[in-house]
Amino acid sequence: MAVQLDDAADKAAPRTGKGDAPPARRGGRRAGSSGTPSAPARRAASAPARRTASAPARRTPYLLLLPALLATAVFLGWPMVRNLLLSFQNLNMKELIQHLTDWRGTGNYQEILGSEQFWRVTSRTVVFTAVNVVLIMVLGVLIGLLLARLGTTVRLVLSAALVLAWAMPVIAATTVFQWLFDSRYGVVNWVLDRLGWHSMAHYDWVGSQLSTFFVITVLIVWQSLPFVALNLYAATTTIPKELYEAARMDGAGTWKVFTSVTFPFLKPFFLATTFLEIIWVFKAFPQIFAINQGGPDRLTETLPIYAFTEGVGNLHFGMGAAISLLTIVVLLVMTAYYLRLTFKQEQQEENGL
């Protein structure tokens, strides 16, 4: 008890003595007197030791990141550098066989940017990405909200079905859709014929631009829904139940609850998921190529298919490298816009707090 009282008295004592002098230490000895070093002196003496001891601790995070940085430099950085060098060369089959290096400068980029085909493919890719992302986000949000309302058993069954669809390899899923929409033996045509649309009995789904894009869109949306739905359901579990109860007590309906509680609370989730889906759809290659290789008549080519066709299909490797780099530039522009939105939202939240 006496020790506790002494400690309390020490804490309650004024910080300065008479004339703003430092207070005397107990035992009649002032700070800085002979025999006991002052606090600044002790801190100065121990500072080099602390700096020496904390130096390895400061280096530890960088050492832990070093393997990942090396792997990124080897498997991503070096191919990017090689692709950049190829984009400034006139590299066809002749140069490839004879090991010739024909530098063209910016000629490939000038030819691509001056081509109407490139701008048609770019606009087509943007529209195709926008349509797919809107469908994915709308349907994925609806399924995610449905998962939050279902009972445990039904939710587990639906979640298992979503996980299985998500886990299916891309080429395997594309092959299944090719069978489903086959003009002679496809299940889709058979079902439509049974329902009364007899003109669809032998309909060629990959014979026109719109129908081919329809099949590709159904495939991509089907593959992307599980990611959005499951992540949204997981995010809704973090929302306090009291917010929903308060909104319903105020008379809010389903749409009002979503716009006033769910959406504001999960706004970072919607921004991040939408951005990831834009990247995933924009660079979609195996689905489009496996369905009809960008046909018919190259009317369903997107930028990745266009780069592959020009580079590998037509043996213009320098041209294909330049198109792929321009595709990356478009993705970087979209990434910069997304980061701007994210930083703006963080600033608004900080100002609101």
Protein backbone atom coordinates (compact mmCIF):
# COMPACT_ATOMS: atom_id res chain seq x y z
CA MET A 1 0.00 0.00 0.00
CA ALA A 2 2.85 2.41 0.89
CA VAL A 3 4.55 1.72 -2.44
CA GLN A 4 1.31 2.39 -4.32
CA LEU A 5 0.82 5.69 -2.48
CA ASP A 6 4.41 6.73 -3.26
CA ASP A 7 3.84 5.93 -6.96
CA ALA A 8 0.60 7.90 -6.97
CA ALA A 9 2.34 10.84 -5.32
CA ASP A 10 5.11 10.73 -7.89
CA LYS A 11 2.57 10.75 -10.73
CA ALA A 12 0.64 13.63 -9.16
CA ALA A 13 3.78 15.72 -8.53
CA PRO A 14 4.30 18.77 -10.78
CA ARG A 15 6.57 18.38 -13.74
CA THR A 16 8.77 21.40 -12.81
CA GLY A 17 10.19 22.67 -9.54
CA LYS A 18 10.63 26.17 -8.26
CA GLY A 19 11.55 28.58 -10.98
CA ASP A 20 10.76 25.95 -13.62
CA ALA A 21 13.73 23.93 -12.42
CA PRO A 22 13.55 20.15 -12.84
CA PRO A 23 12.13 18.46 -9.74
CA ALA A 24 14.54 16.88 -7.27
CA ARG A 25 14.65 13.09 -7.19
CA ARG A 26 13.74 11.27 -4.02
CA GLY A 27 16.60 10.83 -1.60
CA GLY A 28 17.71 14.46 -1.89
CA ARG A 29 19.66 13.90 -5.12
CA ARG A 30 18.83 16.01 -8.13
CA ALA A 31 18.75 14.63 -11.65
CA GLY A 32 22.13 15.04 -13.20
CA SER A 33 24.06 15.03 -9.92
CA SER A 34 27.18 12.97 -9.53
CA GLY A 35 26.69 9.22 -9.22
CA THR A 36 23.49 8.94 -11.31
CA PRO A 37 23.46 9.88 -15.03
CA SER A 38 20.60 12.03 -16.26
CA ALA A 39 17.81 10.68 -18.48
CA PRO A 40 19.06 12.48 -21.63
CA ALA A 41 22.49 11.07 -21.02
CA ARG A 42 21.10 7.56 -20.64
CA ARG A 43 19.04 7.91 -23.84
CA ALA A 44 22.03 9.22 -25.76
CA ALA A 45 24.17 6.34 -24.53
CA SER A 46 21.61 3.69 -25.48
CA ALA A 47 20.65 5.21 -28.87
CA PRO A 48 23.46 3.55 -30.90
CA ALA A 49 22.64 0.20 -29.35
CA ARG A 50 18.97 0.54 -30.25
CA ARG A 51 19.83 1.57 -33.80
CA THR A 52 22.16 -1.39 -34.15
CA ALA A 53 19.57 -3.79 -32.77
CA SER A 54 16.70 -2.52 -34.95
CA ALA A 55 18.63 -2.49 -38.23
CA PRO A 56 18.14 -6.25 -38.89
CA ALA A 57 14.48 -5.90 -37.96
CA ARG A 58 14.06 -3.17 -40.57
CA ARG A 59 15.68 -5.35 -43.23
CA THR A 60 13.54 -8.42 -42.48
CA PRO A 61 10.43 -7.38 -44.50
CA TYR A 62 12.56 -6.68 -47.58
CA LEU A 63 14.32 -10.02 -47.24
CA LEU A 64 10.95 -11.77 -47.03
CA LEU A 65 9.76 -9.97 -50.18
CA LEU A 66 12.95 -10.74 -52.10
CA PRO A 67 11.89 -14.23 -53.42
CA ALA A 68 8.59 -12.87 -54.73
CA LEU A 69 10.32 -9.89 -56.33
CA LEU A 70 12.89 -12.14 -58.00
CA ALA A 71 10.17 -14.47 -59.32
CA THR A 72 8.23 -11.47 -60.66
CA ALA A 73 11.34 -10.07 -62.36
CA VAL A 74 12.20 -13.41 -63.98
CA PHE A 75 8.74 -14.60 -65.05
CA LEU A 76 7.08 -11.23 -65.75
CA GLY A 77 9.70 -8.53 -66.07
CA TRP A 78 12.03 -10.26 -68.54
CA PRO A 79 9.24 -11.36 -70.94
CA MET A 80 7.92 -7.80 -70.87
CA VAL A 81 11.35 -6.46 -71.80
CA ARG A 82 11.67 -8.99 -74.62
CA ASN A 83 8.18 -8.14 -75.86
CA LEU A 84 9.06 -4.44 -75.83
CA LEU A 85 12.18 -5.09 -77.92
CA LEU A 86 10.22 -7.23 -80.38
CA SER A 87 7.64 -4.47 -80.86
CA PHE A 88 10.35 -2.27 -82.41
CA GLN A 89 11.48 -4.95 -84.88
CA ASN A 90 10.27 -6.26 -88.21
CA LEU A 91 10.28 -9.93 -87.16
CA ASN A 92 8.74 -12.32 -89.65
CA MET A 93 9.53 -15.93 -90.51
CA LYS A 94 12.54 -14.94 -92.63
CA GLU A 95 14.17 -12.96 -89.81
CA LEU A 96 13.29 -15.68 -87.31
CA ILE A 97 14.92 -18.50 -89.34
CA GLN A 98 18.01 -16.52 -90.32
CA HIS A 99 18.39 -14.96 -86.85
CA LEU A 100 18.25 -11.46 -88.32
CA THR A 101 17.41 -8.32 -86.35
CA ASP A 102 15.60 -5.74 -88.47
CA TRP A 103 14.91 -2.70 -86.32
CA ARG A 104 11.86 -0.78 -87.45
CA GLY A 105 11.61 1.82 -84.70
CA THR A 106 8.07 2.99 -84.09
CA GLY A 107 6.89 1.74 -87.48
CA ASN A 108 4.79 -1.06 -86.00
CA TYR A 109 3.00 1.34 -83.66
CA GLN A 110 2.38 3.86 -86.44
CA GLU A 111 0.91 1.17 -88.66
CA ILE A 112 -1.32 -0.19 -85.90
CA LEU A 113 -2.59 3.17 -84.67
CA GLY A 114 -3.29 4.21 -88.27
CA SER A 115 -5.28 1.05 -88.99
CA GLU A 116 -9.08 1.11 -88.88
CA GLN A 117 -9.06 -2.57 -87.90
CA PHE A 118 -7.28 -1.80 -84.63
CA TRP A 119 -9.78 0.85 -83.60
CA ARG A 120 -12.74 -1.37 -84.56
CA VAL A 121 -11.32 -4.19 -82.47
CA THR A 122 -10.62 -1.82 -79.57
CA SER A 123 -14.16 -0.42 -79.53
CA ARG A 124 -15.56 -3.94 -79.87
CA THR A 125 -13.45 -5.09 -76.92
CA VAL A 126 -14.64 -2.19 -74.75
CA VAL A 127 -18.32 -2.84 -75.54
CA PHE A 128 -17.92 -6.59 -75.06
CA THR A 129 -16.21 -6.02 -71.69
CA ALA A 130 -18.86 -3.53 -70.52
CA VAL A 131 -21.77 -5.85 -71.36
CA ASN A 132 -20.18 -8.85 -69.67
CA VAL A 133 -19.15 -6.95 -66.52
CA VAL A 134 -22.63 -5.44 -66.08
CA LEU A 135 -24.27 -8.87 -66.41
CA ILE A 136 -21.73 -10.49 -64.10
CA MET A 137 -22.09 -7.87 -61.38
CA VAL A 138 -25.90 -7.69 -61.50
CA LEU A 139 -26.47 -11.45 -61.53
CA GLY A 140 -23.64 -12.10 -59.08
CA VAL A 141 -25.05 -9.60 -56.59
CA LEU A 142 -28.52 -11.10 -56.88
CA ILE A 143 -27.20 -14.62 -56.27
CA GLY A 144 -25.04 -13.40 -53.37
CA LEU A 145 -28.03 -11.73 -51.71
CA LEU A 146 -30.05 -14.89 -52.31
CA LEU A 147 -27.38 -16.95 -50.53
CA ALA A 148 -27.68 -14.64 -47.53
CA ARG A 149 -31.44 -15.31 -47.30
CA LEU A 150 -31.50 -19.07 -47.90
CA GLY A 151 -31.50 -21.73 -45.23
CA THR A 152 -28.35 -23.58 -44.31
CA THR A 153 -28.98 -26.75 -46.35
CA VAL A 154 -30.08 -25.00 -49.54
CA ARG A 155 -27.25 -22.48 -49.21
CA LEU A 156 -24.66 -25.25 -48.92
CA VAL A 157 -26.04 -26.98 -52.03
CA LEU A 158 -26.05 -23.77 -54.07
CA SER A 159 -22.57 -22.83 -52.82
CA ALA A 160 -21.23 -26.26 -53.78
CA ALA A 161 -22.71 -25.87 -57.27
CA LEU A 162 -21.09 -22.44 -57.63
CA VAL A 163 -17.72 -23.75 -56.47
CA LEU A 164 -17.88 -26.64 -58.96
CA ALA A 165 -18.67 -24.24 -61.81
CA TRP A 166 -15.84 -21.99 -60.68
CA ALA A 167 -13.37 -24.86 -60.40
CA MET A 168 -14.01 -26.21 -63.91
CA PRO A 169 -11.04 -25.52 -66.24
CA VAL A 170 -11.65 -22.88 -68.88
CA ILE A 171 -11.05 -25.12 -71.89
CA ALA A 172 -13.18 -27.91 -70.43
CA ALA A 173 -16.05 -25.48 -69.84
CA THR A 174 -15.65 -24.05 -73.34
CA THR A 175 -15.80 -27.56 -74.84
CA VAL A 176 -19.01 -28.28 -72.93
CA PHE A 177 -20.58 -25.09 -74.29
CA GLN A 178 -19.51 -26.03 -77.80
CA TRP A 179 -21.45 -29.28 -77.38
CA LEU A 180 -24.45 -27.49 -75.89
CA PHE A 181 -24.69 -25.03 -78.80
CA ASP A 182 -23.75 -27.46 -81.57
CA SER A 183 -25.90 -26.90 -84.66
CA ARG A 184 -26.68 -30.60 -85.26
CA TYR A 185 -26.50 -32.36 -81.90
CA GLY A 186 -26.63 -29.51 -79.40
CA VAL A 187 -28.96 -29.69 -76.41
CA VAL A 188 -29.94 -26.02 -76.74
CA ASN A 189 -31.27 -26.45 -80.28
CA TRP A 190 -33.08 -29.63 -79.28
CA VAL A 191 -34.80 -27.90 -76.35
CA LEU A 192 -35.80 -24.90 -78.46
CA ASP A 193 -37.19 -27.22 -81.13
CA ARG A 194 -39.22 -29.08 -78.49
CA LEU A 195 -40.60 -25.79 -77.16
CA GLY A 196 -41.96 -24.84 -80.55
CA TRP A 197 -39.15 -22.86 -82.19
CA HIS A 198 -38.67 -25.36 -85.01
CA SER A 199 -36.49 -22.94 -86.98
CA MET A 200 -33.84 -23.34 -84.25
CA ALA A 201 -33.51 -27.11 -84.78
CA HIS A 202 -30.26 -26.75 -86.78
CA TYR A 203 -29.36 -23.16 -85.99
CA ASP A 204 -25.65 -22.33 -86.36
CA TRP A 205 -24.79 -20.35 -83.22
CA VAL A 206 -21.30 -19.44 -84.47
CA GLY A 207 -22.44 -18.41 -87.94
CA SER A 208 -22.98 -14.71 -87.19
CA GLN A 209 -21.35 -12.06 -85.04
CA LEU A 210 -24.20 -11.49 -82.58
CA SER A 211 -24.97 -15.16 -81.98
CA THR A 212 -21.28 -15.98 -81.48
CA PHE A 213 -20.93 -13.16 -78.98
CA PHE A 214 -24.08 -14.43 -77.26
CA VAL A 215 -22.55 -17.88 -76.72
CA ILE A 216 -19.25 -16.37 -75.53
CA THR A 217 -21.07 -13.99 -73.17
CA VAL A 218 -23.11 -16.80 -71.63
CA LEU A 219 -19.93 -18.80 -71.12
CA ILE A 220 -17.94 -15.96 -69.54
CA VAL A 221 -20.82 -14.85 -67.31
CA TRP A 222 -21.38 -18.45 -66.17
CA GLN A 223 -17.69 -18.77 -65.27
CA SER A 224 -17.54 -15.43 -63.43
CA LEU A 225 -20.75 -15.56 -61.37
CA PRO A 226 -19.39 -17.82 -58.58
CA PHE A 227 -16.56 -15.43 -57.75
CA VAL A 228 -18.87 -12.44 -57.35
CA ALA A 229 -21.70 -14.32 -55.62
CA LEU A 230 -19.57 -16.11 -53.03
CA ASN A 231 -17.51 -13.04 -52.23
CA LEU A 232 -20.61 -10.89 -51.87
CA TYR A 233 -22.21 -13.41 -49.54
CA ALA A 234 -19.04 -13.51 -47.44
CA ALA A 235 -19.00 -9.70 -47.34
CA THR A 236 -22.66 -9.48 -46.23
CA THR A 237 -21.84 -11.55 -43.15
CA THR A 238 -19.68 -8.66 -41.91
CA ILE A 239 -22.60 -6.19 -41.89
CA PRO A 240 -24.11 -5.77 -38.40
CA LYS A 241 -27.62 -7.20 -38.21
CA GLU A 242 -28.71 -4.16 -36.22
CA LEU A 243 -28.44 -1.99 -39.33
CA TYR A 244 -30.93 -4.18 -41.21
CA GLU A 245 -33.28 -4.25 -38.23
CA ALA A 246 -33.17 -0.47 -37.88
CA ALA A 247 -33.84 0.03 -41.59
CA ARG A 248 -36.84 -2.31 -41.54
CA MET A 249 -38.20 -0.65 -38.42
CA ASP A 250 -38.11 2.61 -40.37
CA GLY A 251 -40.27 0.99 -43.04
CA ALA A 252 -37.57 0.43 -45.67
CA GLY A 253 -38.28 -2.16 -48.36
CA THR A 254 -35.85 -4.58 -49.99
CA TRP A 255 -34.48 -2.09 -52.51
CA LYS A 256 -34.20 0.67 -49.90
CA VAL A 257 -32.35 -1.67 -47.52
CA PHE A 258 -29.90 -2.55 -50.28
CA THR A 259 -29.24 1.06 -51.30
CA SER A 260 -29.07 2.47 -47.76
CA VAL A 261 -27.33 -0.36 -45.86
CA THR A 262 -25.77 -3.04 -48.06
CA PHE A 263 -24.35 -0.95 -50.89
CA PRO A 264 -22.76 1.84 -48.77
CA PHE A 265 -21.26 -0.72 -46.39
CA LEU A 266 -19.87 -2.87 -49.23
CA LYS A 267 -18.86 -0.08 -51.62
CA PRO A 268 -15.13 -1.00 -51.46
CA PHE A 269 -16.08 -4.58 -52.32
CA PHE A 270 -18.07 -3.47 -55.37
CA LEU A 271 -15.24 -1.27 -56.62
CA ALA A 272 -12.59 -3.97 -56.21
CA THR A 273 -14.71 -6.77 -57.68
CA THR A 274 -15.84 -4.69 -60.66
CA PHE A 275 -12.25 -3.77 -61.40
CA LEU A 276 -11.10 -7.40 -61.23
CA GLU A 277 -13.92 -8.49 -63.53
CA ILE A 278 -13.05 -5.77 -66.05
CA ILE A 279 -9.48 -7.05 -66.23
CA TRP A 280 -10.59 -10.70 -66.41
CA VAL A 281 -13.12 -10.12 -69.21
CA PHE A 282 -10.93 -7.67 -71.13
CA LYS A 283 -8.08 -10.18 -71.46
CA ALA A 284 -10.33 -13.21 -72.09
CA PHE A 285 -8.63 -15.32 -74.74
CA PRO A 286 -9.31 -19.09 -74.52
CA GLN A 287 -13.12 -18.78 -74.53
CA ILE A 288 -13.24 -16.60 -77.66
CA PHE A 289 -10.51 -18.47 -79.51
CA ALA A 290 -11.85 -21.94 -78.75
CA ILE A 291 -15.45 -21.08 -79.71
CA ASN A 292 -14.72 -19.74 -83.21
CA GLN A 293 -11.16 -18.31 -83.29
CA GLY A 294 -12.50 -14.76 -83.59
CA GLY A 295 -14.81 -15.65 -86.47
CA PRO A 296 -16.85 -15.47 -88.51
CA ASP A 297 -14.72 -13.25 -90.75
CA ARG A 298 -12.80 -11.92 -87.72
CA LEU A 299 -15.95 -10.15 -86.48
CA THR A 300 -15.61 -11.39 -82.90
CA GLU A 301 -11.93 -10.57 -82.46
CA THR A 302 -11.00 -8.75 -79.28
CA LEU A 303 -7.59 -7.24 -78.59
CA PRO A 304 -5.99 -10.44 -77.23
CA ILE A 305 -7.30 -12.44 -80.23
CA TYR A 306 -6.20 -9.67 -82.60
CA ALA A 307 -2.66 -9.70 -81.16
CA PHE A 308 -2.45 -13.49 -81.46
CA THR A 309 -3.82 -13.51 -85.02
CA GLU A 310 -1.43 -10.86 -86.24
CA GLY A 311 1.56 -12.17 -84.33
CA VAL A 312 1.30 -15.96 -84.56
CA GLY A 313 -1.37 -16.50 -87.21
CA ASN A 314 0.06 -14.10 -89.81
CA LEU A 315 3.68 -14.53 -88.61
CA HIS A 316 4.08 -10.80 -87.91
CA PHE A 317 5.65 -11.23 -84.49
CA GLY A 318 6.75 -7.62 -84.13
CA MET A 319 3.25 -6.43 -84.95
CA GLY A 320 1.70 -8.85 -82.47
CA ALA A 321 4.10 -7.67 -79.75
CA ALA A 322 3.14 -4.05 -80.40
CA ILE A 323 -0.59 -4.85 -80.20
CA SER A 324 -0.11 -6.72 -76.93
CA LEU A 325 1.73 -3.75 -75.43
CA LEU A 326 -1.01 -1.39 -76.52
CA THR A 327 -3.48 -3.74 -74.82
CA ILE A 328 -1.47 -3.44 -71.62
CA VAL A 329 -1.53 0.35 -71.97
CA VAL A 330 -5.34 0.29 -72.13
CA LEU A 331 -5.46 -1.88 -69.00
CA LEU A 332 -3.05 0.50 -67.23
CA VAL A 333 -5.33 3.43 -68.05
CA MET A 334 -8.28 1.59 -66.53
CA THR A 335 -6.13 0.67 -63.51
CA ALA A 336 -5.18 4.32 -63.00
CA TYR A 337 -8.85 5.31 -63.14
CA TYR A 338 -9.72 2.64 -60.56
CA LEU A 339 -6.93 3.76 -58.21
CA ARG A 340 -8.15 7.34 -58.56
CA LEU A 341 -11.63 6.28 -57.51
CA THR A 342 -10.22 4.30 -54.58
CA PHE A 343 -8.10 7.19 -53.30
CA LYS A 344 -11.03 9.57 -53.71
CA GLN A 345 -13.24 7.27 -51.67
CA GLU A 346 -10.63 6.97 -48.92
CA GLN A 347 -10.33 10.75 -48.75
CA GLN A 348 -14.11 11.09 -48.49
CA GLU A 349 -14.20 8.55 -45.67
CA GLU A 350 -11.40 10.33 -43.81
CA ASN A 351 -13.14 13.70 -44.23
CA GLY A 352 -16.40 12.14 -43.06
CA LEU A 353 -14.70 10.83 -39.92
